[in-house]
Amino acid sequence: MKRRKAMYQLLALDMDGTLLNRNKVITPFVQQTLQSLIRKGVNVTIASGRFPASVWLHGQHIGMTCPLVAFNGAVILDANTGELKHGYPIVPAAARRIAELAEQTSTYVHFYGYQELFVREINAMNASWPLANVVIDPRKPLAYEHYQEQADRIQVKAVGSLLNFVQANDVPLYKATMISDDTQLLDELYKELGAQQEFALTRTGQRRFDINAAGVSKRSALEVVSHTLGLAPSAAVAIGDYDNDIDMLQWAGLGIAMANGSELAKQAANAITASNEEDGVAKAVNRYFLSCQHA
């Protein structure tokens, strides 16, 4: 059936597992296809659980000008400047409850400020967080000396007791992440926190889950973005691969799951594109935006 190309006017992209391949790289084909779409006047944005700095750097790499979404929807930022437009932090009392639970169960947790990762102590895992958020150039080894300017946009700060920190802290905390190799314990913590009405929880892997303030999601942030642009959800396409993308896939006029995505994400989608190893984003854009025909 033929449809007008202008039917969809907003494209929202998850990053890991979607926009990025397994090496965390935006392939040239995906980049060029998205740039072609932007030149045609379509709004292209990112909706990710990553730091605002990482979302902004990748948006700049492609040439996005539409407001961007970070921290699973807790932050909406300006694509041109990287500055905060809207923020939905975890309230201090709720942050304290997260820190208390982590301390009681000896579970690793860290908190995210706008540009800072707050940790109890620096270790091999969290020390690499800034470097894990840069725009990777396949021609350069992933080492600090090659990406210093980008990596320095995110600071890892050791604060000792996180419980003491959140009790005294006056900096907005937009997200927390619990990480554990004990998947049974992690499931129990997920259920305990999920039973409380003050949190929005999203699974981001077998060993971790993210915690945001209640009501925060990629969908809620994209509703703000689309309203700002004067667009209805029916004009939006969302592409994602994991459980934290489900709400935006269901919200958009067209939700597309990656072939490498979770079964729940695929069930929530209207269509499935190729995997992130097969330039699935570019293929979806060519099919639903740049082609005259929609299958």
C-alpha atoms as a PDB file:
ATOM      1  CA  MET A   1       0.000   0.000   0.000  1.00  0.00           C
ATOM      2  CA  LYS A   2       1.378   3.408  -0.904  1.00  0.00           C
ATOM      3  CA  ARG A   3       1.694   6.034   1.796  1.00  0.00           C
ATOM      4  CA  ARG A   4       3.069   9.523   1.732  1.00  0.00           C
ATOM      5  CA  LYS A   5       6.637   9.800   2.969  1.00  0.00           C
ATOM      6  CA  ALA A   6       5.626  12.746   5.166  1.00  0.00           C
ATOM      7  CA  MET A   7       3.372  10.532   7.256  1.00  0.00           C
ATOM      8  CA  TYR A   8       6.092  10.043   9.871  1.00  0.00           C
ATOM      9  CA  GLN A   9       7.815  13.192  11.072  1.00  0.00           C
ATOM     10  CA  LEU A  10       9.686  12.009  14.175  1.00  0.00           C
ATOM     11  CA  LEU A  11      12.132   9.135  14.603  1.00  0.00           C
ATOM     12  CA  ALA A  12      13.208   8.135  18.128  1.00  0.00           C
ATOM     13  CA  LEU A  13      16.171   5.786  18.469  1.00  0.00           C
ATOM     14  CA  ASP A  14      17.449   3.745  21.357  1.00  0.00           C
ATOM     15  CA  MET A  15      21.253   3.577  21.407  1.00  0.00           C
ATOM     16  CA  ASP A  16      22.789   0.340  22.694  1.00  0.00           C
ATOM     17  CA  GLY A  17      21.655  -2.611  20.624  1.00  0.00           C
ATOM     18  CA  THR A  18      19.864  -0.295  18.192  1.00  0.00           C
ATOM     19  CA  LEU A  19      21.701   2.764  16.876  1.00  0.00           C
ATOM     20  CA  LEU A  20      25.052   1.219  17.860  1.00  0.00           C
ATOM     21  CA  ASN A  21      26.399  -2.130  16.717  1.00  0.00           C
ATOM     22  CA  ARG A  22      27.990  -4.634  19.096  1.00  0.00           C
ATOM     23  CA  ASN A  23      31.226  -2.616  19.016  1.00  0.00           C
ATOM     24  CA  LYS A  24      29.260   0.479  20.146  1.00  0.00           C
ATOM     25  CA  VAL A  25      29.815   2.131  16.767  1.00  0.00           C
ATOM     26  CA  ILE A  26      27.395   3.994  14.487  1.00  0.00           C
ATOM     27  CA  THR A  27      28.194   2.423  11.130  1.00  0.00           C
ATOM     28  CA  PRO A  28      28.723   4.713   8.116  1.00  0.00           C
ATOM     29  CA  PHE A  29      25.583   3.355   6.442  1.00  0.00           C
ATOM     30  CA  VAL A  30      23.421   4.134   9.483  1.00  0.00           C
ATOM     31  CA  GLN A  31      24.991   7.570   9.885  1.00  0.00           C
ATOM     32  CA  GLN A  32      24.550   8.512   6.227  1.00  0.00           C
ATOM     33  CA  THR A  33      20.967   7.240   6.143  1.00  0.00           C
ATOM     34  CA  LEU A  34      19.998   9.247   9.229  1.00  0.00           C
ATOM     35  CA  GLN A  35      21.688  12.365   7.846  1.00  0.00           C
ATOM     36  CA  SER A  36      19.711  11.943   4.648  1.00  0.00           C
ATOM     37  CA  LEU A  37      16.523  11.727   6.695  1.00  0.00           C
ATOM     38  CA  ILE A  38      17.390  14.879   8.641  1.00  0.00           C
ATOM     39  CA  ARG A  39      18.068  16.752   5.394  1.00  0.00           C
ATOM     40  CA  LYS A  40      14.539  15.832   4.308  1.00  0.00           C
ATOM     41  CA  GLY A  41      13.177  17.662   7.362  1.00  0.00           C
ATOM     42  CA  VAL A  42      12.342  14.702   9.597  1.00  0.00           C
ATOM     43  CA  ASN A  43      13.015  15.164  13.319  1.00  0.00           C
ATOM     44  CA  VAL A  44      15.464  12.541  14.556  1.00  0.00           C
ATOM     45  CA  THR A  45      16.153  12.056  18.255  1.00  0.00           C
ATOM     46  CA  ILE A  46      17.790   9.624  20.655  1.00  0.00           C
ATOM     47  CA  ALA A  47      15.972   8.092  23.631  1.00  0.00           C
ATOM     48  CA  SER A  48      18.521   6.323  25.801  1.00  0.00           C
ATOM     49  CA  GLY A  49      19.377   5.349  29.338  1.00  0.00           C
ATOM     50  CA  ARG A  50      22.840   6.821  28.825  1.00  0.00           C
ATOM     51  CA  PHE A  51      24.334  10.030  30.189  1.00  0.00           C
ATOM     52  CA  PRO A  52      23.198  13.307  28.583  1.00  0.00           C
ATOM     53  CA  ALA A  53      26.795  13.898  27.451  1.00  0.00           C
ATOM     54  CA  SER A  54      26.884  10.592  25.605  1.00  0.00           C
ATOM     55  CA  VAL A  55      23.497  11.167  23.997  1.00  0.00           C
ATOM     56  CA  TRP A  56      24.539  14.679  22.970  1.00  0.00           C
ATOM     57  CA  LEU A  57      27.885  13.566  21.530  1.00  0.00           C
ATOM     58  CA  HIS A  58      26.220  10.903  19.401  1.00  0.00           C
ATOM     59  CA  GLY A  59      23.494  13.319  18.342  1.00  0.00           C
ATOM     60  CA  GLN A  60      26.132  15.827  17.287  1.00  0.00           C
ATOM     61  CA  HIS A  61      27.989  13.102  15.386  1.00  0.00           C
ATOM     62  CA  ILE A  62      24.904  12.520  13.255  1.00  0.00           C
ATOM     63  CA  GLY A  63      23.734  16.140  13.096  1.00  0.00           C
ATOM     64  CA  MET A  64      20.551  15.956  15.160  1.00  0.00           C
ATOM     65  CA  THR A  65      18.817  19.193  16.121  1.00  0.00           C
ATOM     66  CA  CYS A  66      15.697  17.755  17.796  1.00  0.00           C
ATOM     67  CA  PRO A  67      15.610  17.660  21.636  1.00  0.00           C
ATOM     68  CA  LEU A  68      17.306  14.505  22.940  1.00  0.00           C
ATOM     69  CA  VAL A  69      16.307  12.099  25.724  1.00  0.00           C
ATOM     70  CA  ALA A  70      18.733  10.646  28.287  1.00  0.00           C
ATOM     71  CA  PHE A  71      18.590   8.656  31.556  1.00  0.00           C
ATOM     72  CA  ASN A  72      15.520   6.683  30.354  1.00  0.00           C
ATOM     73  CA  GLY A  73      13.490   9.881  30.064  1.00  0.00           C
ATOM     74  CA  ALA A  74      14.618  11.667  33.232  1.00  0.00           C
ATOM     75  CA  VAL A  75      16.413  14.284  31.149  1.00  0.00           C
ATOM     76  CA  ILE A  76      15.513  16.123  27.953  1.00  0.00           C
ATOM     77  CA  LEU A  77      18.408  18.129  26.575  1.00  0.00           C
ATOM     78  CA  ASP A  78      19.114  20.642  23.858  1.00  0.00           C
ATOM     79  CA  ALA A  79      20.657  18.892  20.850  1.00  0.00           C
ATOM     80  CA  ASN A  80      22.687  21.964  19.897  1.00  0.00           C
ATOM     81  CA  THR A  81      24.177  22.906  23.273  1.00  0.00           C
ATOM     82  CA  GLY A  82      23.830  19.768  25.385  1.00  0.00           C
ATOM     83  CA  GLU A  83      22.153  21.830  28.103  1.00  0.00           C
ATOM     84  CA  LEU A  84      19.261  20.623  30.236  1.00  0.00           C
ATOM     85  CA  LYS A  85      15.782  21.545  29.001  1.00  0.00           C
ATOM     86  CA  HIS A  86      13.659  19.391  31.335  1.00  0.00           C
ATOM     87  CA  GLY A  87      14.724  17.230  34.259  1.00  0.00           C
ATOM     88  CA  TYR A  88      12.819  14.766  36.450  1.00  0.00           C
ATOM     89  CA  PRO A  89      15.095  13.752  39.339  1.00  0.00           C
ATOM     90  CA  ILE A  90      14.573  11.162  42.057  1.00  0.00           C
ATOM     91  CA  VAL A  91      13.338  12.925  45.198  1.00  0.00           C
ATOM     92  CA  PRO A  92      15.883  12.912  48.057  1.00  0.00           C
ATOM     93  CA  ALA A  93      13.804  10.671  50.358  1.00  0.00           C
ATOM     94  CA  ALA A  94      13.478   8.072  47.617  1.00  0.00           C
ATOM     95  CA  ALA A  95      17.200   8.242  46.832  1.00  0.00           C
ATOM     96  CA  ARG A  96      17.859   7.586  50.506  1.00  0.00           C
ATOM     97  CA  ARG A  97      15.689   4.464  50.405  1.00  0.00           C
ATOM     98  CA  ILE A  98      17.646   3.154  47.414  1.00  0.00           C
ATOM     99  CA  ALA A  99      20.953   3.714  49.201  1.00  0.00           C
ATOM    100  CA  GLU A 100      19.630   2.095  52.395  1.00  0.00           C
ATOM    101  CA  LEU A 101      18.473  -1.009  50.553  1.00  0.00           C
ATOM    102  CA  ALA A 102      21.775  -1.332  48.706  1.00  0.00           C
ATOM    103  CA  GLU A 103      23.695  -0.979  51.958  1.00  0.00           C
ATOM    104  CA  GLN A 104      21.516  -3.519  53.789  1.00  0.00           C
ATOM    105  CA  THR A 105      21.992  -6.125  51.047  1.00  0.00           C
ATOM    106  CA  SER A 106      25.628  -5.257  50.175  1.00  0.00           C
ATOM    107  CA  THR A 107      24.555  -4.596  46.592  1.00  0.00           C
ATOM    108  CA  TYR A 108      26.491  -2.304  44.263  1.00  0.00           C
ATOM    109  CA  VAL A 109      24.645   0.888  43.387  1.00  0.00           C
ATOM    110  CA  HIS A 110      25.615   4.210  41.870  1.00  0.00           C
ATOM    111  CA  PHE A 111      23.774   7.465  41.251  1.00  0.00           C
ATOM    112  CA  TYR A 112      23.798   9.759  38.232  1.00  0.00           C
ATOM    113  CA  GLY A 113      23.999  13.519  38.324  1.00  0.00           C
ATOM    114  CA  TYR A 114      23.736  15.398  35.053  1.00  0.00           C
ATOM    115  CA  GLN A 115      27.464  15.034  34.351  1.00  0.00           C
ATOM    116  CA  GLU A 116      28.663  12.956  37.310  1.00  0.00           C
ATOM    117  CA  LEU A 117      28.587   9.315  38.292  1.00  0.00           C
ATOM    118  CA  PHE A 118      28.527   9.139  42.095  1.00  0.00           C
ATOM    119  CA  VAL A 119      30.051   5.939  43.482  1.00  0.00           C
ATOM    120  CA  ARG A 120      31.117   4.658  46.886  1.00  0.00           C
ATOM    121  CA  GLU A 121      34.631   4.040  45.620  1.00  0.00           C
ATOM    122  CA  ILE A 122      36.266   3.941  42.230  1.00  0.00           C
ATOM    123  CA  ASN A 123      36.821   0.445  40.839  1.00  0.00           C
ATOM    124  CA  ALA A 124      37.687  -1.093  37.479  1.00  0.00           C
ATOM    125  CA  MET A 125      34.063  -1.123  36.360  1.00  0.00           C
ATOM    126  CA  ASN A 126      32.933   2.409  37.191  1.00  0.00           C
ATOM    127  CA  ALA A 127      36.273   4.017  36.309  1.00  0.00           C
ATOM    128  CA  SER A 128      35.657   3.047  32.690  1.00  0.00           C
ATOM    129  CA  TRP A 129      32.177   4.616  32.560  1.00  0.00           C
ATOM    130  CA  PRO A 130      33.238   7.886  30.835  1.00  0.00           C
ATOM    131  CA  LEU A 131      35.154   6.017  28.135  1.00  0.00           C
ATOM    132  CA  ALA A 132      32.160   3.723  27.590  1.00  0.00           C
ATOM    133  CA  ASN A 133      30.065   6.773  26.645  1.00  0.00           C
ATOM    134  CA  VAL A 134      32.169   8.354  23.901  1.00  0.00           C
ATOM    135  CA  VAL A 135      31.539   8.323  20.157  1.00  0.00           C
ATOM    136  CA  ILE A 136      33.866   5.552  19.063  1.00  0.00           C
ATOM    137  CA  ASP A 137      36.037   5.966  16.000  1.00  0.00           C
ATOM    138  CA  PRO A 138      36.848   2.437  14.720  1.00  0.00           C
ATOM    139  CA  ARG A 139      40.229   3.727  13.574  1.00  0.00           C
ATOM    140  CA  LYS A 140      41.276   4.614  17.126  1.00  0.00           C
ATOM    141  CA  PRO A 141      41.804   2.249  20.065  1.00  0.00           C
ATOM    142  CA  LEU A 142      39.358   2.819  22.911  1.00  0.00           C
ATOM    143  CA  ALA A 143      41.902   4.449  25.206  1.00  0.00           C
ATOM    144  CA  TYR A 144      41.619   7.639  27.230  1.00  0.00           C
ATOM    145  CA  GLU A 145      44.352   9.482  25.327  1.00  0.00           C
ATOM    146  CA  HIS A 146      42.347   9.180  22.097  1.00  0.00           C
ATOM    147  CA  TYR A 147      39.030  10.328  23.575  1.00  0.00           C
ATOM    148  CA  GLN A 148      40.013  12.643  26.405  1.00  0.00           C
ATOM    149  CA  GLU A 149      37.876  15.615  25.373  1.00  0.00           C
ATOM    150  CA  GLN A 150      34.749  13.462  25.152  1.00  0.00           C
ATOM    151  CA  ALA A 151      35.459  11.338  28.228  1.00  0.00           C
ATOM    152  CA  ASP A 152      36.077  14.380  30.415  1.00  0.00           C
ATOM    153  CA  ARG A 153      32.465  15.432  29.946  1.00  0.00           C
ATOM    154  CA  ILE A 154      31.558  12.751  32.506  1.00  0.00           C
ATOM    155  CA  GLN A 155      33.174  12.676  35.953  1.00  0.00           C
ATOM    156  CA  VAL A 156      33.284   9.637  38.240  1.00  0.00           C
ATOM    157  CA  LYS A 157      33.230  10.881  41.824  1.00  0.00           C
ATOM    158  CA  ALA A 158      33.928   8.689  44.861  1.00  0.00           C
ATOM    159  CA  VAL A 159      31.833   9.916  47.788  1.00  0.00           C
ATOM    160  CA  GLY A 160      32.251   7.162  50.373  1.00  0.00           C
ATOM    161  CA  SER A 161      28.977   6.119  51.981  1.00  0.00           C
ATOM    162  CA  LEU A 162      26.262   6.660  49.403  1.00  0.00           C
ATOM    163  CA  LEU A 163      23.693   6.793  52.168  1.00  0.00           C
ATOM    164  CA  ASN A 164      25.500   9.702  53.795  1.00  0.00           C
ATOM    165  CA  PHE A 165      25.969  11.276  50.380  1.00  0.00           C
ATOM    166  CA  VAL A 166      22.302  11.267  49.373  1.00  0.00           C
ATOM    167  CA  GLN A 167      21.275  12.567  52.795  1.00  0.00           C
ATOM    168  CA  ALA A 168      23.577  15.583  52.454  1.00  0.00           C
ATOM    169  CA  ASN A 169      23.470  16.006  48.673  1.00  0.00           C
ATOM    170  CA  ASP A 170      21.745  18.951  47.002  1.00  0.00           C
ATOM    171  CA  VAL A 171      22.603  18.002  43.405  1.00  0.00           C
ATOM    172  CA  PRO A 172      19.717  16.505  41.365  1.00  0.00           C
ATOM    173  CA  LEU A 173      20.060  12.741  40.952  1.00  0.00           C
ATOM    174  CA  TYR A 174      18.321  11.564  37.806  1.00  0.00           C
ATOM    175  CA  LYS A 175      18.954   7.831  37.899  1.00  0.00           C
ATOM    176  CA  ALA A 176      20.392   5.016  39.985  1.00  0.00           C
ATOM    177  CA  THR A 177      21.630   1.629  38.836  1.00  0.00           C
ATOM    178  CA  MET A 178      21.861  -1.573  40.857  1.00  0.00           C
ATOM    179  CA  ILE A 179      24.325  -4.200  39.619  1.00  0.00           C
ATOM    180  CA  SER A 180      24.910  -7.715  40.938  1.00  0.00           C
ATOM    181  CA  ASP A 181      26.104 -11.120  39.755  1.00  0.00           C
ATOM    182  CA  ASP A 182      23.537 -12.605  42.142  1.00  0.00           C
ATOM    183  CA  THR A 183      20.553 -12.596  39.797  1.00  0.00           C
ATOM    184  CA  GLN A 184      18.206 -13.980  42.450  1.00  0.00           C
ATOM    185  CA  LEU A 185      19.059 -11.120  44.804  1.00  0.00           C
ATOM    186  CA  LEU A 186      18.682  -8.660  41.962  1.00  0.00           C
ATOM    187  CA  ASP A 187      15.231 -10.041  41.192  1.00  0.00           C
ATOM    188  CA  GLU A 188      14.242  -9.647  44.844  1.00  0.00           C
ATOM    189  CA  LEU A 189      15.479  -6.049  44.921  1.00  0.00           C
ATOM    190  CA  TYR A 190      13.651  -5.317  41.693  1.00  0.00           C
ATOM    191  CA  LYS A 191      10.402  -6.629  43.173  1.00  0.00           C
ATOM    192  CA  GLU A 192      10.880  -4.766  46.452  1.00  0.00           C
ATOM    193  CA  LEU A 193      11.554  -1.433  44.796  1.00  0.00           C
ATOM    194  CA  GLY A 194       8.898  -2.066  42.161  1.00  0.00           C
ATOM    195  CA  ALA A 195       6.274  -2.498  44.870  1.00  0.00           C
ATOM    196  CA  GLN A 196       6.855   1.111  45.914  1.00  0.00           C
ATOM    197  CA  GLN A 197       4.987   3.783  44.000  1.00  0.00           C
ATOM    198  CA  GLU A 198       7.854   6.281  43.929  1.00  0.00           C
ATOM    199  CA  PHE A 199      10.063   4.457  41.407  1.00  0.00           C
ATOM    200  CA  ALA A 200      10.101   3.554  37.730  1.00  0.00           C
ATOM    201  CA  LEU A 201      12.293   0.505  37.140  1.00  0.00           C
ATOM    202  CA  THR A 202      13.738  -0.726  33.852  1.00  0.00           C
ATOM    203  CA  ARG A 203      15.686  -3.874  33.143  1.00  0.00           C
ATOM    204  CA  THR A 204      18.799  -3.080  31.146  1.00  0.00           C
ATOM    205  CA  GLY A 205      20.475  -6.498  31.323  1.00  0.00           C
ATOM    206  CA  GLN A 206      20.601  -9.721  33.318  1.00  0.00           C
ATOM    207  CA  ARG A 207      22.930  -8.222  35.913  1.00  0.00           C
ATOM    208  CA  ARG A 208      21.483  -4.760  36.356  1.00  0.00           C
ATOM    209  CA  PHE A 209      18.436  -2.541  36.436  1.00  0.00           C
ATOM    210  CA  ASP A 210      17.898   1.208  36.377  1.00  0.00           C
ATOM    211  CA  ILE A 211      15.850   3.244  38.838  1.00  0.00           C
ATOM    212  CA  ASN A 212      14.159   6.530  37.970  1.00  0.00           C
ATOM    213  CA  ALA A 213      11.489   8.633  39.596  1.00  0.00           C
ATOM    214  CA  ALA A 214       7.912   7.393  39.223  1.00  0.00           C
ATOM    215  CA  GLY A 215       6.377   8.396  35.913  1.00  0.00           C
ATOM    216  CA  VAL A 216       9.713   8.696  34.130  1.00  0.00           C
ATOM    217  CA  SER A 217      10.121   6.720  30.922  1.00  0.00           C
ATOM    218  CA  LYS A 218      11.309   7.132  27.377  1.00  0.00           C
ATOM    219  CA  ARG A 219       7.640   7.411  26.434  1.00  0.00           C
ATOM    220  CA  SER A 220       6.935  10.229  28.897  1.00  0.00           C
ATOM    221  CA  ALA A 221       9.920  12.197  27.603  1.00  0.00           C
ATOM    222  CA  LEU A 222       9.011  11.611  23.966  1.00  0.00           C
ATOM    223  CA  GLU A 223       5.515  12.874  24.714  1.00  0.00           C
ATOM    224  CA  VAL A 224       7.109  16.145  25.821  1.00  0.00           C
ATOM    225  CA  VAL A 225       9.368  16.239  22.760  1.00  0.00           C
ATOM    226  CA  SER A 226       6.527  15.510  20.332  1.00  0.00           C
ATOM    227  CA  HIS A 227       4.294  18.099  22.013  1.00  0.00           C
ATOM    228  CA  THR A 228       7.081  20.670  21.672  1.00  0.00           C
ATOM    229  CA  LEU A 229       7.275  19.855  17.965  1.00  0.00           C
ATOM    230  CA  GLY A 230       3.485  19.963  17.576  1.00  0.00           C
ATOM    231  CA  LEU A 231       3.325  16.306  16.539  1.00  0.00           C
ATOM    232  CA  ALA A 232       0.903  13.534  17.463  1.00  0.00           C
ATOM    233  CA  PRO A 233       2.175  10.070  18.475  1.00  0.00           C
ATOM    234  CA  SER A 234       0.841   8.774  15.163  1.00  0.00           C
ATOM    235  CA  ALA A 235       3.553  10.828  13.432  1.00  0.00           C
ATOM    236  CA  ALA A 236       6.330   9.105  15.397  1.00  0.00           C
ATOM    237  CA  VAL A 237       8.422   6.023  14.739  1.00  0.00           C
ATOM    238  CA  ALA A 238      10.379   4.463  17.598  1.00  0.00           C
ATOM    239  CA  ILE A 239      13.092   1.827  17.228  1.00  0.00           C
ATOM    240  CA  GLY A 240      14.477  -0.164  20.150  1.00  0.00           C
ATOM    241  CA  ASP A 241      15.726  -3.541  21.275  1.00  0.00           C
ATOM    242  CA  TYR A 242      15.143  -4.063  24.980  1.00  0.00           C
ATOM    243  CA  ASP A 243      12.515  -4.058  27.712  1.00  0.00           C
ATOM    244  CA  ASN A 244      13.125  -0.392  28.596  1.00  0.00           C
ATOM    245  CA  ASP A 245      12.036   0.468  25.034  1.00  0.00           C
ATOM    246  CA  ILE A 246       8.652  -1.248  25.251  1.00  0.00           C
ATOM    247  CA  ASP A 247       6.664   1.796  26.354  1.00  0.00           C
ATOM    248  CA  MET A 248       7.971   3.986  23.545  1.00  0.00           C
ATOM    249  CA  LEU A 249       7.443   1.218  20.980  1.00  0.00           C
ATOM    250  CA  GLN A 250       3.806   0.981  22.083  1.00  0.00           C
ATOM    251  CA  TRP A 251       3.376   4.755  22.162  1.00  0.00           C
ATOM    252  CA  ALA A 252       4.668   5.537  18.690  1.00  0.00           C
ATOM    253  CA  GLY A 253       2.537   5.369  15.581  1.00  0.00           C
ATOM    254  CA  LEU A 254       5.012   2.745  14.413  1.00  0.00           C
ATOM    255  CA  GLY A 255       7.110   0.769  16.873  1.00  0.00           C
ATOM    256  CA  ILE A 256      10.004  -1.204  15.387  1.00  0.00           C
ATOM    257  CA  ALA A 257      12.044  -3.793  17.271  1.00  0.00           C
ATOM    258  CA  MET A 258      15.522  -4.892  16.302  1.00  0.00           C
ATOM    259  CA  ALA A 259      16.035  -8.520  15.248  1.00  0.00           C
ATOM    260  CA  ASN A 260      18.556  -8.770  18.096  1.00  0.00           C
ATOM    261  CA  GLY A 261      15.978  -7.442  20.556  1.00  0.00           C
ATOM    262  CA  SER A 262      14.304  -9.135  23.502  1.00  0.00           C
ATOM    263  CA  GLU A 263      11.161 -11.174  22.948  1.00  0.00           C
ATOM    264  CA  LEU A 264       9.117  -8.692  24.981  1.00  0.00           C
ATOM    265  CA  ALA A 265      10.333  -5.798  22.811  1.00  0.00           C
ATOM    266  CA  LYS A 266       9.445  -7.722  19.664  1.00  0.00           C
ATOM    267  CA  GLN A 267       5.986  -8.513  21.013  1.00  0.00           C
ATOM    268  CA  ALA A 268       5.399  -4.810  21.736  1.00  0.00           C
ATOM    269  CA  ALA A 269       6.445  -3.699  18.247  1.00  0.00           C
ATOM    270  CA  ASN A 270       4.456  -3.338  15.044  1.00  0.00           C
ATOM    271  CA  ALA A 271       7.397  -4.449  12.926  1.00  0.00           C
ATOM    272  CA  ILE A 272      10.866  -5.963  13.190  1.00  0.00           C
ATOM    273  CA  THR A 273      13.919  -4.739  11.308  1.00  0.00           C
ATOM    274  CA  ALA A 274      17.328  -6.325  10.816  1.00  0.00           C
ATOM    275  CA  SER A 275      19.780  -6.570  13.703  1.00  0.00           C
ATOM    276  CA  ASN A 276      22.217  -3.886  14.812  1.00  0.00           C
ATOM    277  CA  GLU A 277      24.941  -5.943  13.123  1.00  0.00           C
ATOM    278  CA  GLU A 278      23.043  -5.659   9.844  1.00  0.00           C
ATOM    279  CA  ASP A 279      22.341  -1.891   9.849  1.00  0.00           C
ATOM    280  CA  GLY A 280      18.785  -2.480  11.020  1.00  0.00           C
ATOM    281  CA  VAL A 281      18.142   1.206  11.740  1.00  0.00           C
ATOM    282  CA  ALA A 282      19.185   2.236   8.226  1.00  0.00           C
ATOM    283  CA  LYS A 283      17.031  -0.478   6.680  1.00  0.00           C
ATOM    284  CA  ALA A 284      14.011   0.624   8.706  1.00  0.00           C
ATOM    285  CA  VAL A 285      14.542   4.261   7.728  1.00  0.00           C
ATOM    286  CA  ASN A 286      14.806   3.330   4.065  1.00  0.00           C
ATOM    287  CA  ARG A 287      11.644   1.263   4.268  1.00  0.00           C
ATOM    288  CA  TYR A 288       9.376   3.503   6.328  1.00  0.00           C
ATOM    289  CA  PHE A 289      10.660   6.991   5.555  1.00  0.00           C
ATOM    290  CA  LEU A 290      12.656   7.082   2.344  1.00  0.00           C
ATOM    291  CA  SER A 291      10.795   4.503   0.280  1.00  0.00           C
ATOM    292  CA  CYS A 292       7.566   5.234  -1.580  1.00  0.00           C
ATOM    293  CA  GLN A 293       6.125   1.884  -0.533  1.00  0.00           C
ATOM    294  CA  HIS A 294       5.323   0.459   2.871  1.00  0.00           C
ATOM    295  CA  ALA A 295       5.005  -3.275   3.017  1.00  0.00           C
END
